[in-house]
């Protein structure tokens, strides 16, 4: 799911127009420019029945939207929400939609020398299954 979600985000015109290909799972590449997007699994979200795994998962995924100013971070956050809320199938993964659970920010980090980085952090439940 992780690779398919990154591919989906990079392919979205609104996101690509802001971050190009700066979308990474688990870390932000040192020295890579801004704006950028990082993703983290916050909970597994695996669904079960009494017979075992149900085949439908809805992990909580944290999307961190990084930019040199608040407006760009917020624009990226809006583009992420608009993209993942809609169903799509990418690389053998059927995304059923996503639901925003939390939004935090702006969180501002002082980098020194008058430079700051702004972050909007989103938690979304991303529901998916294997494509049929």
N, C-alpha and C. Protein backbone atom coordinates (compact mmCIF):
# COMPACT_ATOMS: atom_id res chain seq x y z
N UNK A 1 0.82 -1.19 0.00
CA UNK A 1 0.00 0.00 0.00
C UNK A 1 0.86 1.26 0.00
N UNK A 2 1.97 1.23 0.74
CA UNK A 2 2.80 2.42 0.86
C UNK A 2 3.30 2.92 -0.49
N UNK A 3 3.82 1.99 -1.31
CA UNK A 3 4.34 2.38 -2.62
C UNK A 3 3.23 2.91 -3.51
N UNK A 4 2.07 2.27 -3.47
CA UNK A 4 0.94 2.70 -4.30
C UNK A 4 0.44 4.07 -3.86
N UNK A 5 0.43 4.33 -2.56
CA UNK A 5 -0.02 5.63 -2.07
C UNK A 5 0.94 6.74 -2.50
N UNK A 6 2.23 6.49 -2.41
CA UNK A 6 3.21 7.48 -2.87
C UNK A 6 3.03 7.73 -4.37
N UNK A 7 2.87 6.66 -5.15
CA UNK A 7 2.67 6.81 -6.60
C UNK A 7 1.41 7.62 -6.88
N UNK A 8 0.36 7.36 -6.12
CA UNK A 8 -0.89 8.10 -6.30
C UNK A 8 -0.71 9.59 -6.02
N UNK A 9 -0.01 9.91 -4.95
CA UNK A 9 0.21 11.31 -4.58
C UNK A 9 1.06 12.03 -5.62
N UNK A 10 2.13 11.37 -6.08
CA UNK A 10 3.01 11.99 -7.08
C UNK A 10 2.27 12.20 -8.40
N UNK A 11 1.35 11.30 -8.73
CA UNK A 11 0.61 11.41 -10.00
C UNK A 11 -0.47 12.48 -9.97
N UNK A 12 -0.90 12.89 -8.78
CA UNK A 12 -1.96 13.90 -8.67
C UNK A 12 -1.43 15.26 -9.11
N UNK A 13 -2.08 15.86 -10.08
CA UNK A 13 -1.63 17.13 -10.65
C UNK A 13 -1.47 18.21 -9.59
N UNK A 14 -2.43 18.33 -8.69
CA UNK A 14 -2.39 19.38 -7.66
C UNK A 14 -1.19 19.20 -6.73
N UNK A 15 -0.87 17.97 -6.39
CA UNK A 15 0.26 17.70 -5.49
C UNK A 15 1.58 17.85 -6.25
N UNK A 16 1.64 17.28 -7.45
CA UNK A 16 2.86 17.37 -8.25
C UNK A 16 3.22 18.83 -8.52
N UNK A 17 2.23 19.67 -8.73
CA UNK A 17 2.48 21.08 -8.97
C UNK A 17 3.09 21.80 -7.78
N UNK A 18 2.94 21.22 -6.60
CA UNK A 18 3.49 21.84 -5.38
C UNK A 18 4.82 21.21 -4.99
N UNK A 19 4.89 19.88 -4.97
CA UNK A 19 6.09 19.21 -4.44
C UNK A 19 6.94 18.49 -5.49
N UNK A 20 6.47 18.46 -6.74
CA UNK A 20 7.14 17.68 -7.79
C UNK A 20 7.16 16.21 -7.35
N UNK A 21 8.32 15.65 -7.07
CA UNK A 21 8.42 14.24 -6.63
C UNK A 21 8.91 14.13 -5.19
N UNK A 22 8.86 15.21 -4.44
CA UNK A 22 9.35 15.20 -3.06
C UNK A 22 8.29 14.63 -2.11
N UNK A 23 7.99 13.34 -2.28
CA UNK A 23 7.05 12.60 -1.44
C UNK A 23 7.79 11.37 -0.95
N UNK A 24 7.95 11.24 0.37
CA UNK A 24 8.73 10.14 0.93
C UNK A 24 8.00 9.51 2.10
N UNK A 25 8.19 8.22 2.23
CA UNK A 25 7.59 7.47 3.33
C UNK A 25 8.61 7.37 4.47
N UNK A 26 8.26 7.91 5.64
CA UNK A 26 9.06 7.73 6.84
C UNK A 26 10.14 8.76 7.11
N UNK A 27 10.51 9.56 6.13
CA UNK A 27 11.58 10.54 6.37
C UNK A 27 11.55 11.61 5.28
N UNK A 28 12.16 12.73 5.57
CA UNK A 28 12.35 13.76 4.55
C UNK A 28 13.82 13.73 4.17
N UNK A 29 14.10 13.69 2.90
CA UNK A 29 15.48 13.57 2.43
C UNK A 29 16.25 14.83 2.80
N UNK A 30 17.39 14.64 3.49
CA UNK A 30 18.21 15.76 3.91
C UNK A 30 18.68 16.55 2.69
N UNK A 31 18.52 17.85 2.75
CA UNK A 31 18.94 18.73 1.68
C UNK A 31 17.94 18.86 0.54
N UNK A 32 16.87 18.06 0.57
CA UNK A 32 15.86 18.15 -0.47
C UNK A 32 15.04 19.42 -0.26
N UNK A 33 14.66 20.06 -1.32
CA UNK A 33 13.96 21.34 -1.23
C UNK A 33 12.56 21.25 -0.66
N UNK A 34 11.97 22.40 -0.49
CA UNK A 34 10.59 22.54 -0.02
C UNK A 34 9.78 23.16 -1.14
N UNK A 35 8.49 22.95 -1.13
CA UNK A 35 7.68 22.11 -0.25
C UNK A 35 7.96 20.62 -0.45
N UNK A 36 7.56 19.84 0.56
CA UNK A 36 7.75 18.40 0.52
C UNK A 36 6.65 17.74 1.35
N UNK A 37 6.48 16.44 1.14
CA UNK A 37 5.46 15.67 1.83
C UNK A 37 6.09 14.40 2.38
N UNK A 38 5.86 14.13 3.67
CA UNK A 38 6.32 12.86 4.25
C UNK A 38 5.11 12.13 4.82
N UNK A 39 5.19 10.80 4.80
CA UNK A 39 4.11 9.95 5.28
C UNK A 39 4.63 8.97 6.31
N UNK A 40 3.78 8.66 7.29
CA UNK A 40 4.12 7.72 8.35
C UNK A 40 2.89 6.88 8.68
N UNK A 41 3.08 5.59 8.96
CA UNK A 41 1.99 4.78 9.48
C UNK A 41 1.85 5.09 10.96
N UNK A 42 0.66 5.54 11.38
CA UNK A 42 0.42 5.84 12.79
C UNK A 42 -0.28 4.69 13.49
N UNK A 43 -1.01 3.86 12.74
CA UNK A 43 -1.65 2.66 13.28
C UNK A 43 -1.88 1.69 12.12
N UNK A 44 -1.89 0.40 12.40
CA UNK A 44 -1.97 -0.57 11.31
C UNK A 44 -3.33 -0.60 10.61
N UNK A 45 -4.42 -0.46 11.32
CA UNK A 45 -5.73 -0.41 10.72
C UNK A 45 -6.17 -1.67 10.01
N UNK A 46 -5.64 -2.79 10.38
CA UNK A 46 -6.01 -4.06 9.75
C UNK A 46 -7.34 -4.52 10.32
N UNK A 47 -8.29 -4.88 9.46
CA UNK A 47 -9.62 -5.31 9.88
C UNK A 47 -9.68 -6.84 9.95
N UNK A 48 -10.41 -7.34 10.95
CA UNK A 48 -10.52 -8.77 11.17
C UNK A 48 -11.98 -9.20 11.33
N UNK A 49 -12.22 -10.47 10.97
CA UNK A 49 -13.46 -11.15 11.32
C UNK A 49 -13.04 -12.33 12.19
N UNK A 50 -14.00 -13.14 12.62
CA UNK A 50 -13.63 -14.32 13.42
C UNK A 50 -12.86 -15.36 12.60
N UNK A 51 -12.88 -15.21 11.28
CA UNK A 51 -12.16 -16.14 10.41
C UNK A 51 -10.75 -15.64 10.07
N UNK A 52 -10.40 -14.44 10.52
CA UNK A 52 -9.07 -13.91 10.24
C UNK A 52 -9.14 -12.53 9.60
N UNK A 53 -8.06 -12.16 8.92
CA UNK A 53 -7.98 -10.84 8.28
C UNK A 53 -9.10 -10.70 7.24
N UNK A 54 -9.74 -9.54 7.25
CA UNK A 54 -10.91 -9.31 6.39
C UNK A 54 -10.54 -8.89 4.97
N UNK A 55 -9.31 -8.48 4.73
CA UNK A 55 -8.91 -8.04 3.40
C UNK A 55 -9.12 -6.56 3.16
N UNK A 56 -9.73 -5.88 4.11
CA UNK A 56 -9.94 -4.43 4.03
C UNK A 56 -9.18 -3.81 5.19
N UNK A 57 -8.34 -2.83 4.88
CA UNK A 57 -7.55 -2.17 5.92
C UNK A 57 -7.79 -0.67 5.89
N UNK A 58 -7.68 -0.06 7.06
CA UNK A 58 -7.86 1.39 7.16
C UNK A 58 -6.86 1.99 8.12
N UNK A 59 -5.56 1.90 7.80
CA UNK A 59 -4.57 2.45 8.71
C UNK A 59 -4.68 3.97 8.84
N UNK A 60 -4.27 4.46 9.99
CA UNK A 60 -4.15 5.91 10.18
C UNK A 60 -2.78 6.27 9.62
N UNK A 61 -2.79 7.15 8.62
CA UNK A 61 -1.55 7.59 8.00
C UNK A 61 -1.37 9.07 8.32
N UNK A 62 -0.16 9.42 8.78
CA UNK A 62 0.17 10.82 9.05
C UNK A 62 0.85 11.39 7.81
N UNK A 63 0.30 12.50 7.31
CA UNK A 63 0.85 13.21 6.17
C UNK A 63 1.41 14.53 6.68
N UNK A 64 2.72 14.73 6.60
CA UNK A 64 3.33 15.99 7.03
C UNK A 64 3.63 16.83 5.79
N UNK A 65 3.00 18.01 5.75
CA UNK A 65 3.12 18.94 4.63
C UNK A 65 4.11 20.03 5.03
N UNK A 66 5.28 20.06 4.40
CA UNK A 66 6.38 20.96 4.74
C UNK A 66 6.50 22.06 3.69
N UNK A 67 6.72 23.29 4.14
CA UNK A 67 6.93 24.40 3.20
C UNK A 67 7.64 25.53 3.92
N UNK A 68 8.13 26.48 3.14
CA UNK A 68 8.83 27.62 3.73
C UNK A 68 7.87 28.69 4.24
N UNK A 69 6.57 28.55 3.94
CA UNK A 69 5.58 29.49 4.49
C UNK A 69 4.26 28.75 4.72
N UNK A 70 3.42 29.34 5.55
CA UNK A 70 2.16 28.70 5.93
C UNK A 70 1.25 28.47 4.73
N UNK A 71 1.14 29.45 3.84
CA UNK A 71 0.23 29.34 2.71
C UNK A 71 0.55 28.13 1.84
N UNK A 72 1.82 27.89 1.59
CA UNK A 72 2.21 26.74 0.76
C UNK A 72 1.95 25.42 1.49
N UNK A 73 2.22 25.37 2.80
CA UNK A 73 1.95 24.16 3.58
C UNK A 73 0.45 23.87 3.58
N UNK A 74 -0.37 24.89 3.74
CA UNK A 74 -1.82 24.72 3.76
C UNK A 74 -2.34 24.29 2.39
N UNK A 75 -1.80 24.86 1.32
CA UNK A 75 -2.20 24.46 -0.04
C UNK A 75 -1.89 22.98 -0.27
N UNK A 76 -0.73 22.54 0.19
CA UNK A 76 -0.37 21.13 0.04
C UNK A 76 -1.31 20.25 0.86
N UNK A 77 -1.64 20.66 2.08
CA UNK A 77 -2.56 19.89 2.92
C UNK A 77 -3.92 19.75 2.24
N UNK A 78 -4.41 20.83 1.67
CA UNK A 78 -5.70 20.78 0.96
C UNK A 78 -5.64 19.85 -0.24
N UNK A 79 -4.54 19.87 -0.97
CA UNK A 79 -4.37 19.00 -2.13
C UNK A 79 -4.32 17.53 -1.72
N UNK A 80 -3.65 17.24 -0.61
CA UNK A 80 -3.58 15.86 -0.11
C UNK A 80 -4.98 15.36 0.24
N UNK A 81 -5.72 16.15 1.00
CA UNK A 81 -7.07 15.75 1.41
C UNK A 81 -7.94 15.51 0.17
N UNK A 82 -7.94 16.44 -0.75
CA UNK A 82 -8.78 16.31 -1.95
C UNK A 82 -8.40 15.07 -2.77
N UNK A 83 -7.13 14.70 -2.78
CA UNK A 83 -6.69 13.54 -3.54
C UNK A 83 -7.09 12.24 -2.88
N UNK A 84 -6.77 12.08 -1.60
CA UNK A 84 -6.96 10.76 -0.97
C UNK A 84 -8.38 10.50 -0.51
N UNK A 85 -9.22 11.52 -0.42
CA UNK A 85 -10.61 11.28 -0.05
C UNK A 85 -11.38 10.54 -1.14
N UNK A 86 -10.91 10.62 -2.36
CA UNK A 86 -11.60 10.00 -3.49
C UNK A 86 -11.08 8.60 -3.77
N UNK A 87 -11.97 7.68 -4.14
CA UNK A 87 -11.54 6.33 -4.49
C UNK A 87 -10.67 6.32 -5.74
N UNK A 88 -9.75 5.36 -5.79
CA UNK A 88 -8.88 5.18 -6.96
C UNK A 88 -8.21 3.82 -6.85
N UNK A 89 -7.75 3.31 -7.97
CA UNK A 89 -6.96 2.08 -7.99
C UNK A 89 -5.61 2.40 -8.59
N UNK A 90 -4.55 2.05 -7.84
CA UNK A 90 -3.18 2.34 -8.26
C UNK A 90 -2.31 1.13 -7.95
N UNK A 91 -1.58 0.65 -8.94
CA UNK A 91 -0.58 -0.41 -8.75
C UNK A 91 -1.13 -1.61 -7.98
N UNK A 92 -2.34 -2.05 -8.33
CA UNK A 92 -2.93 -3.22 -7.70
C UNK A 92 -3.56 -2.98 -6.35
N UNK A 93 -3.66 -1.73 -5.93
CA UNK A 93 -4.28 -1.38 -4.66
C UNK A 93 -5.53 -0.55 -4.93
N UNK A 94 -6.65 -1.00 -4.36
CA UNK A 94 -7.91 -0.26 -4.50
C UNK A 94 -8.09 0.61 -3.26
N UNK A 95 -7.98 1.93 -3.46
CA UNK A 95 -8.20 2.88 -2.38
C UNK A 95 -9.70 3.21 -2.36
N UNK A 96 -10.34 2.94 -1.23
CA UNK A 96 -11.78 3.15 -1.10
C UNK A 96 -12.12 4.56 -0.65
N UNK A 97 -11.14 5.33 -0.33
CA UNK A 97 -11.34 6.68 0.18
C UNK A 97 -10.61 6.84 1.50
N UNK A 98 -10.54 8.06 1.96
CA UNK A 98 -9.86 8.34 3.22
C UNK A 98 -10.70 9.34 4.01
N UNK A 99 -10.52 9.31 5.31
CA UNK A 99 -11.30 10.16 6.21
C UNK A 99 -10.35 10.93 7.13
N UNK A 100 -10.45 12.25 7.09
CA UNK A 100 -9.60 13.10 7.92
C UNK A 100 -9.99 12.94 9.37
N UNK A 101 -9.02 12.62 10.21
CA UNK A 101 -9.25 12.46 11.64
C UNK A 101 -8.72 13.65 12.43
N UNK A 102 -7.53 14.14 12.08
CA UNK A 102 -6.92 15.26 12.79
C UNK A 102 -6.11 16.12 11.84
N UNK A 103 -6.04 17.40 12.18
CA UNK A 103 -5.15 18.33 11.49
C UNK A 103 -4.46 19.16 12.56
N UNK A 104 -3.13 19.21 12.49
CA UNK A 104 -2.34 19.98 13.45
C UNK A 104 -1.48 20.99 12.69
N UNK A 105 -1.39 22.16 13.26
CA UNK A 105 -0.51 23.15 12.66
C UNK A 105 -1.22 24.47 12.48
N UNK A 106 -0.46 25.46 12.10
CA UNK A 106 0.91 25.32 11.62
C UNK A 106 1.91 25.10 12.76
N UNK A 107 2.82 24.21 12.52
CA UNK A 107 3.93 23.96 13.42
C UNK A 107 5.15 24.60 12.76
N UNK A 108 5.82 25.48 13.45
CA UNK A 108 6.91 26.24 12.85
C UNK A 108 8.23 25.87 13.54
N UNK A 109 9.21 25.53 12.73
CA UNK A 109 10.54 25.18 13.23
C UNK A 109 11.53 26.23 12.74
N UNK A 110 12.30 26.79 13.68
CA UNK A 110 13.31 27.78 13.33
C UNK A 110 14.58 27.06 12.92
N UNK A 111 15.02 27.28 11.70
CA UNK A 111 16.23 26.63 11.19
C UNK A 111 17.48 27.47 11.41
N UNK A 112 17.30 28.65 11.97
CA UNK A 112 18.43 29.55 12.17
C UNK A 112 18.66 30.42 10.94
N UNK A 113 19.33 31.51 11.14
CA UNK A 113 19.64 32.41 10.04
C UNK A 113 18.41 33.03 9.40
N UNK A 114 17.33 33.15 10.17
CA UNK A 114 16.10 33.72 9.65
C UNK A 114 15.26 32.77 8.82
N UNK A 115 15.69 31.51 8.72
CA UNK A 115 14.94 30.54 7.94
C UNK A 115 14.01 29.74 8.85
N UNK A 116 12.80 29.52 8.37
CA UNK A 116 11.83 28.73 9.11
C UNK A 116 11.20 27.72 8.17
N UNK A 117 10.71 26.62 8.74
CA UNK A 117 9.95 25.65 7.98
C UNK A 117 8.60 25.50 8.68
N UNK A 118 7.55 25.51 7.88
CA UNK A 118 6.18 25.39 8.38
C UNK A 118 5.68 23.99 8.05
N UNK A 119 4.91 23.40 8.98
CA UNK A 119 4.39 22.05 8.78
C UNK A 119 2.93 22.00 9.18
N UNK A 120 2.13 21.39 8.33
CA UNK A 120 0.76 21.03 8.65
C UNK A 120 0.76 19.51 8.69
N UNK A 121 0.28 18.94 9.77
CA UNK A 121 0.27 17.49 9.95
C UNK A 121 -1.17 16.99 9.91
N UNK A 122 -1.44 16.05 9.01
CA UNK A 122 -2.78 15.48 8.84
C UNK A 122 -2.77 14.01 9.22
N UNK A 123 -3.79 13.56 9.92
CA UNK A 123 -4.00 12.13 10.15
C UNK A 123 -5.26 11.73 9.40
N UNK A 124 -5.11 10.79 8.49
CA UNK A 124 -6.26 10.28 7.73
C UNK A 124 -6.31 8.77 7.83
N UNK A 125 -7.53 8.24 7.94
CA UNK A 125 -7.74 6.81 7.83
C UNK A 125 -7.86 6.50 6.35
N UNK A 126 -6.90 5.74 5.82
CA UNK A 126 -6.84 5.44 4.39
C UNK A 126 -7.33 4.00 4.19
N UNK A 127 -8.54 3.85 3.67
CA UNK A 127 -9.13 2.52 3.48
C UNK A 127 -8.73 1.95 2.13
N UNK A 128 -8.23 0.71 2.15
CA UNK A 128 -7.78 0.07 0.91
C UNK A 128 -7.91 -1.44 0.99
N UNK A 129 -7.87 -2.06 -0.18
CA UNK A 129 -7.83 -3.52 -0.31
C UNK A 129 -7.09 -3.84 -1.60
N UNK A 130 -6.81 -5.10 -1.80
CA UNK A 130 -6.20 -5.52 -3.06
C UNK A 130 -7.21 -5.33 -4.18
N UNK A 131 -6.76 -4.82 -5.31
CA UNK A 131 -7.65 -4.66 -6.46
C UNK A 131 -8.07 -6.03 -6.97
N UNK A 132 -9.30 -6.14 -7.39
CA UNK A 132 -9.82 -7.44 -7.86
C UNK A 132 -9.32 -7.75 -9.25
